[in-house]
Amino acid sequence: MSHLIGHYNYWIVIFLMMAGLYVVIAQGNLVKKIVGLNIFQAAVYILFISMAKIEGGTAPILVDGTTLYSNPLPHVLILTAIVVGVATTALALALVVRINSAYSSVEEDEIHEQDQSF
Protein backbone atom coordinates (compact mmCIF):
# COMPACT_ATOMS: atom_id res chain seq x y z
CA MET A 1 0.00 0.00 0.00
CA SER A 2 2.83 2.42 0.77
CA HIS A 3 4.17 1.76 -2.74
CA LEU A 4 0.94 3.22 -4.19
CA ILE A 5 0.98 6.21 -1.86
CA GLY A 6 4.64 6.86 -2.62
CA HIS A 7 3.77 7.52 -6.25
CA TYR A 8 1.00 10.04 -5.61
CA ASN A 9 2.28 12.30 -8.39
CA TYR A 10 1.47 9.60 -10.95
CA TRP A 11 -2.05 9.32 -9.52
CA ILE A 12 -2.42 13.08 -9.98
CA VAL A 13 -1.24 12.70 -13.58
CA ILE A 14 -3.78 9.95 -14.25
CA PHE A 15 -6.58 12.00 -12.69
CA LEU A 16 -5.71 15.14 -14.68
CA MET A 17 -5.39 13.19 -17.93
CA MET A 18 -8.76 11.53 -17.47
CA ALA A 19 -10.40 14.82 -16.43
CA GLY A 20 -8.97 16.63 -19.46
CA LEU A 21 -9.97 13.83 -21.81
CA TYR A 22 -13.47 13.76 -20.35
CA VAL A 23 -13.89 17.51 -20.84
CA VAL A 24 -12.73 17.28 -24.47
CA ILE A 25 -15.11 14.41 -25.25
CA ALA A 26 -18.17 15.36 -23.18
CA GLN A 27 -18.40 19.12 -23.69
CA GLY A 28 -19.86 20.77 -26.76
CA ASN A 29 -18.54 24.22 -25.98
CA LEU A 30 -15.35 24.97 -27.92
CA VAL A 31 -13.81 27.07 -25.14
CA LYS A 32 -14.36 24.25 -22.64
CA LYS A 33 -12.66 21.86 -25.06
CA ILE A 34 -9.62 24.15 -25.15
CA VAL A 35 -9.55 24.20 -21.34
CA GLY A 36 -9.75 20.39 -21.34
CA LEU A 37 -6.81 20.18 -23.73
CA ASN A 38 -4.82 22.50 -21.45
CA ILE A 39 -5.60 20.30 -18.44
CA PHE A 40 -4.45 17.24 -20.39
CA GLN A 41 -1.32 19.11 -21.43
CA ALA A 42 -0.54 20.06 -17.82
CA ALA A 43 -0.80 16.38 -16.88
CA VAL A 44 1.82 15.53 -19.49
CA TYR A 45 4.10 18.25 -18.10
CA ILE A 46 3.78 16.81 -14.59
CA LEU A 47 4.45 13.31 -15.92
CA PHE A 48 7.69 14.31 -17.64
CA ILE A 49 8.92 16.35 -14.67
CA SER A 50 8.07 13.46 -12.31
CA MET A 51 10.04 11.00 -14.39
CA ALA A 52 13.01 13.37 -14.69
CA LYS A 53 13.45 13.87 -10.94
CA ILE A 54 16.10 11.67 -9.39
CA GLU A 55 15.91 11.15 -5.63
CA GLY A 56 19.02 12.74 -4.14
CA GLY A 57 20.18 14.14 -7.47
CA THR A 58 21.49 17.67 -7.76
CA ALA A 59 21.78 20.18 -10.56
CA PRO A 60 24.41 19.17 -13.14
CA ILE A 61 27.09 21.48 -11.80
CA LEU A 62 30.46 19.89 -11.07
CA VAL A 63 30.97 19.98 -7.33
CA ASP A 64 33.40 17.93 -5.29
CA GLY A 65 31.74 15.03 -3.53
CA THR A 66 28.62 14.92 -5.73
CA THR A 67 28.18 11.92 -7.97
CA LEU A 68 24.43 11.84 -8.64
CA TYR A 69 23.06 14.44 -11.03
CA SER A 70 19.58 15.10 -12.41
CA ASN A 71 19.18 15.28 -16.16
CA PRO A 72 18.16 18.84 -17.18
CA LEU A 73 16.98 17.84 -20.68
CA PRO A 74 13.36 16.93 -19.71
CA HIS A 75 12.99 20.25 -17.90
CA VAL A 76 14.19 22.15 -20.96
CA LEU A 77 11.82 20.20 -23.18
CA ILE A 78 8.92 21.04 -20.87
CA LEU A 79 9.78 24.74 -21.05
CA THR A 80 9.65 24.49 -24.83
CA ALA A 81 6.36 22.58 -24.63
CA ILE A 82 4.87 25.28 -22.41
CA VAL A 83 5.75 27.96 -24.96
CA VAL A 84 4.26 25.89 -27.78
CA GLY A 85 1.18 25.18 -25.65
CA VAL A 86 0.58 28.87 -25.00
CA ALA A 87 0.91 29.61 -28.72
CA THR A 88 -1.52 26.86 -29.73
CA THR A 89 -3.98 27.94 -27.04
CA ALA A 90 -3.84 31.51 -28.34
CA LEU A 91 -4.42 30.28 -31.89
CA ALA A 92 -7.31 28.06 -30.78
CA LEU A 93 -8.96 30.92 -28.91
CA ALA A 94 -8.53 33.18 -31.95
CA LEU A 95 -10.25 30.52 -34.08
CA VAL A 96 -13.08 30.27 -31.54
CA VAL A 97 -13.54 34.05 -31.71
CA ARG A 98 -13.70 33.83 -35.52
CA ILE A 99 -16.16 30.91 -35.36
CA ASN A 100 -18.29 32.86 -32.89
CA SER A 101 -18.42 35.87 -35.21
CA ALA A 102 -19.38 33.68 -38.18
CA TYR A 103 -21.94 31.43 -36.46
CA SER A 104 -22.92 33.50 -33.38
CA SER A 105 -22.24 30.45 -31.23
CA VAL A 106 -19.42 28.39 -29.79
CA GLU A 107 -21.55 25.27 -29.24
CA GLU A 108 -20.77 22.40 -31.62
CA ASP A 109 -24.40 21.32 -32.05
CA GLU A 110 -25.56 24.79 -33.07
CA ILE A 111 -22.68 25.16 -35.52
CA HIS A 112 -23.47 21.78 -37.13
CA GLU A 113 -27.18 22.74 -37.40
CA GLN A 114 -26.29 25.96 -39.19
CA ASP A 115 -23.97 24.11 -41.56
CA GLN A 116 -26.70 21.57 -42.39
CA SER A 117 -29.14 24.33 -43.31
CA PHE A 118 -26.88 25.68 -46.09
C-alpha atoms as a PDB file:
ATOM      1  CA  MET A   1       0.000   0.000   0.000  1.00  0.00           C
ATOM      2  CA  SER A   2       2.835   2.418   0.767  1.00  0.00           C
ATOM      3  CA  HIS A   3       4.166   1.763  -2.738  1.00  0.00           C
ATOM      4  CA  LEU A   4       0.944   3.220  -4.187  1.00  0.00           C
ATOM      5  CA  ILE A   5       0.976   6.207  -1.859  1.00  0.00           C
ATOM      6  CA  GLY A   6       4.635   6.859  -2.617  1.00  0.00           C
ATOM      7  CA  HIS A   7       3.766   7.522  -6.247  1.00  0.00           C
ATOM      8  CA  TYR A   8       1.004  10.043  -5.611  1.00  0.00           C
ATOM      9  CA  ASN A   9       2.277  12.303  -8.390  1.00  0.00           C
ATOM     10  CA  TYR A  10       1.465   9.600 -10.953  1.00  0.00           C
ATOM     11  CA  TRP A  11      -2.053   9.322  -9.523  1.00  0.00           C
ATOM     12  CA  ILE A  12      -2.419  13.075  -9.985  1.00  0.00           C
ATOM     13  CA  VAL A  13      -1.244  12.700 -13.584  1.00  0.00           C
ATOM     14  CA  ILE A  14      -3.785   9.946 -14.248  1.00  0.00           C
ATOM     15  CA  PHE A  15      -6.582  11.995 -12.686  1.00  0.00           C
ATOM     16  CA  LEU A  16      -5.706  15.135 -14.678  1.00  0.00           C
ATOM     17  CA  MET A  17      -5.390  13.192 -17.929  1.00  0.00           C
ATOM     18  CA  MET A  18      -8.758  11.532 -17.470  1.00  0.00           C
ATOM     19  CA  ALA A  19     -10.396  14.818 -16.431  1.00  0.00           C
ATOM     20  CA  GLY A  20      -8.973  16.625 -19.460  1.00  0.00           C
ATOM     21  CA  LEU A  21      -9.965  13.829 -21.815  1.00  0.00           C
ATOM     22  CA  TYR A  22     -13.469  13.759 -20.353  1.00  0.00           C
ATOM     23  CA  VAL A  23     -13.889  17.512 -20.840  1.00  0.00           C
ATOM     24  CA  VAL A  24     -12.729  17.279 -24.466  1.00  0.00           C
ATOM     25  CA  ILE A  25     -15.108  14.409 -25.247  1.00  0.00           C
ATOM     26  CA  ALA A  26     -18.167  15.359 -23.178  1.00  0.00           C
ATOM     27  CA  GLN A  27     -18.402  19.121 -23.685  1.00  0.00           C
ATOM     28  CA  GLY A  28     -19.864  20.766 -26.763  1.00  0.00           C
ATOM     29  CA  ASN A  29     -18.538  24.221 -25.979  1.00  0.00           C
ATOM     30  CA  LEU A  30     -15.349  24.969 -27.918  1.00  0.00           C
ATOM     31  CA  VAL A  31     -13.811  27.070 -25.142  1.00  0.00           C
ATOM     32  CA  LYS A  32     -14.362  24.249 -22.640  1.00  0.00           C
ATOM     33  CA  LYS A  33     -12.662  21.859 -25.058  1.00  0.00           C
ATOM     34  CA  ILE A  34      -9.618  24.147 -25.149  1.00  0.00           C
ATOM     35  CA  VAL A  35      -9.554  24.196 -21.340  1.00  0.00           C
ATOM     36  CA  GLY A  36      -9.755  20.391 -21.337  1.00  0.00           C
ATOM     37  CA  LEU A  37      -6.807  20.181 -23.726  1.00  0.00           C
ATOM     38  CA  ASN A  38      -4.825  22.500 -21.450  1.00  0.00           C
ATOM     39  CA  ILE A  39      -5.604  20.298 -18.436  1.00  0.00           C
ATOM     40  CA  PHE A  40      -4.452  17.244 -20.391  1.00  0.00           C
ATOM     41  CA  GLN A  41      -1.315  19.111 -21.429  1.00  0.00           C
ATOM     42  CA  ALA A  42      -0.544  20.055 -17.819  1.00  0.00           C
ATOM     43  CA  ALA A  43      -0.801  16.379 -16.879  1.00  0.00           C
ATOM     44  CA  VAL A  44       1.818  15.531 -19.487  1.00  0.00           C
ATOM     45  CA  TYR A  45       4.100  18.248 -18.099  1.00  0.00           C
ATOM     46  CA  ILE A  46       3.777  16.815 -14.594  1.00  0.00           C
ATOM     47  CA  LEU A  47       4.454  13.312 -15.917  1.00  0.00           C
ATOM     48  CA  PHE A  48       7.691  14.309 -17.638  1.00  0.00           C
ATOM     49  CA  ILE A  49       8.922  16.346 -14.673  1.00  0.00           C
ATOM     50  CA  SER A  50       8.075  13.462 -12.308  1.00  0.00           C
ATOM     51  CA  MET A  51      10.044  10.996 -14.391  1.00  0.00           C
ATOM     52  CA  ALA A  52      13.006  13.368 -14.686  1.00  0.00           C
ATOM     53  CA  LYS A  53      13.455  13.871 -10.940  1.00  0.00           C
ATOM     54  CA  ILE A  54      16.096  11.665  -9.386  1.00  0.00           C
ATOM     55  CA  GLU A  55      15.910  11.152  -5.633  1.00  0.00           C
ATOM     56  CA  GLY A  56      19.018  12.737  -4.136  1.00  0.00           C
ATOM     57  CA  GLY A  57      20.177  14.140  -7.472  1.00  0.00           C
ATOM     58  CA  THR A  58      21.490  17.673  -7.757  1.00  0.00           C
ATOM     59  CA  ALA A  59      21.785  20.184 -10.559  1.00  0.00           C
ATOM     60  CA  PRO A  60      24.412  19.167 -13.139  1.00  0.00           C
ATOM     61  CA  ILE A  61      27.094  21.480 -11.801  1.00  0.00           C
ATOM     62  CA  LEU A  62      30.457  19.895 -11.072  1.00  0.00           C
ATOM     63  CA  VAL A  63      30.973  19.976  -7.326  1.00  0.00           C
ATOM     64  CA  ASP A  64      33.396  17.933  -5.293  1.00  0.00           C
ATOM     65  CA  GLY A  65      31.735  15.027  -3.533  1.00  0.00           C
ATOM     66  CA  THR A  66      28.621  14.921  -5.726  1.00  0.00           C
ATOM     67  CA  THR A  67      28.179  11.916  -7.971  1.00  0.00           C
ATOM     68  CA  LEU A  68      24.431  11.843  -8.641  1.00  0.00           C
ATOM     69  CA  TYR A  69      23.060  14.444 -11.025  1.00  0.00           C
ATOM     70  CA  SER A  70      19.580  15.095 -12.409  1.00  0.00           C
ATOM     71  CA  ASN A  71      19.184  15.279 -16.160  1.00  0.00           C
ATOM     72  CA  PRO A  72      18.163  18.839 -17.177  1.00  0.00           C
ATOM     73  CA  LEU A  73      16.976  17.840 -20.675  1.00  0.00           C
ATOM     74  CA  PRO A  74      13.359  16.929 -19.715  1.00  0.00           C
ATOM     75  CA  HIS A  75      12.987  20.253 -17.898  1.00  0.00           C
ATOM     76  CA  VAL A  76      14.190  22.154 -20.959  1.00  0.00           C
ATOM     77  CA  LEU A  77      11.823  20.204 -23.178  1.00  0.00           C
ATOM     78  CA  ILE A  78       8.919  21.041 -20.867  1.00  0.00           C
ATOM     79  CA  LEU A  79       9.785  24.743 -21.045  1.00  0.00           C
ATOM     80  CA  THR A  80       9.646  24.485 -24.833  1.00  0.00           C
ATOM     81  CA  ALA A  81       6.359  22.582 -24.633  1.00  0.00           C
ATOM     82  CA  ILE A  82       4.871  25.283 -22.406  1.00  0.00           C
ATOM     83  CA  VAL A  83       5.746  27.960 -24.961  1.00  0.00           C
ATOM     84  CA  VAL A  84       4.260  25.891 -27.785  1.00  0.00           C
ATOM     85  CA  GLY A  85       1.181  25.182 -25.646  1.00  0.00           C
ATOM     86  CA  VAL A  86       0.582  28.868 -24.997  1.00  0.00           C
ATOM     87  CA  ALA A  87       0.909  29.613 -28.719  1.00  0.00           C
ATOM     88  CA  THR A  88      -1.516  26.864 -29.729  1.00  0.00           C
ATOM     89  CA  THR A  89      -3.984  27.944 -27.040  1.00  0.00           C
ATOM     90  CA  ALA A  90      -3.842  31.508 -28.337  1.00  0.00           C
ATOM     91  CA  LEU A  91      -4.419  30.276 -31.894  1.00  0.00           C
ATOM     92  CA  ALA A  92      -7.310  28.056 -30.780  1.00  0.00           C
ATOM     93  CA  LEU A  93      -8.956  30.920 -28.905  1.00  0.00           C
ATOM     94  CA  ALA A  94      -8.526  33.180 -31.951  1.00  0.00           C
ATOM     95  CA  LEU A  95     -10.248  30.521 -34.080  1.00  0.00           C
ATOM     96  CA  VAL A  96     -13.079  30.274 -31.538  1.00  0.00           C
ATOM     97  CA  VAL A  97     -13.538  34.054 -31.709  1.00  0.00           C
ATOM     98  CA  ARG A  98     -13.697  33.829 -35.520  1.00  0.00           C
ATOM     99  CA  ILE A  99     -16.162  30.909 -35.363  1.00  0.00           C
ATOM    100  CA  ASN A 100     -18.290  32.858 -32.888  1.00  0.00           C
ATOM    101  CA  SER A 101     -18.417  35.870 -35.211  1.00  0.00           C
ATOM    102  CA  ALA A 102     -19.382  33.680 -38.184  1.00  0.00           C
ATOM    103  CA  TYR A 103     -21.938  31.434 -36.456  1.00  0.00           C
ATOM    104  CA  SER A 104     -22.922  33.503 -33.384  1.00  0.00           C
ATOM    105  CA  SER A 105     -22.240  30.451 -31.228  1.00  0.00           C
ATOM    106  CA  VAL A 106     -19.422  28.386 -29.785  1.00  0.00           C
ATOM    107  CA  GLU A 107     -21.548  25.272 -29.241  1.00  0.00           C
ATOM    108  CA  GLU A 108     -20.768  22.403 -31.619  1.00  0.00           C
ATOM    109  CA  ASP A 109     -24.397  21.321 -32.047  1.00  0.00           C
ATOM    110  CA  GLU A 110     -25.563  24.793 -33.067  1.00  0.00           C
ATOM    111  CA  ILE A 111     -22.675  25.163 -35.517  1.00  0.00           C
ATOM    112  CA  HIS A 112     -23.475  21.784 -37.127  1.00  0.00           C
ATOM    113  CA  GLU A 113     -27.178  22.739 -37.400  1.00  0.00           C
ATOM    114  CA  GLN A 114     -26.292  25.955 -39.187  1.00  0.00           C
ATOM    115  CA  ASP A 115     -23.967  24.108 -41.563  1.00  0.00           C
ATOM    116  CA  GLN A 116     -26.696  21.571 -42.390  1.00  0.00           C
ATOM    117  CA  SER A 117     -29.142  24.328 -43.305  1.00  0.00           C
ATOM    118  CA  PHE A 118     -26.881  25.679 -46.093  1.00  0.00           C
END
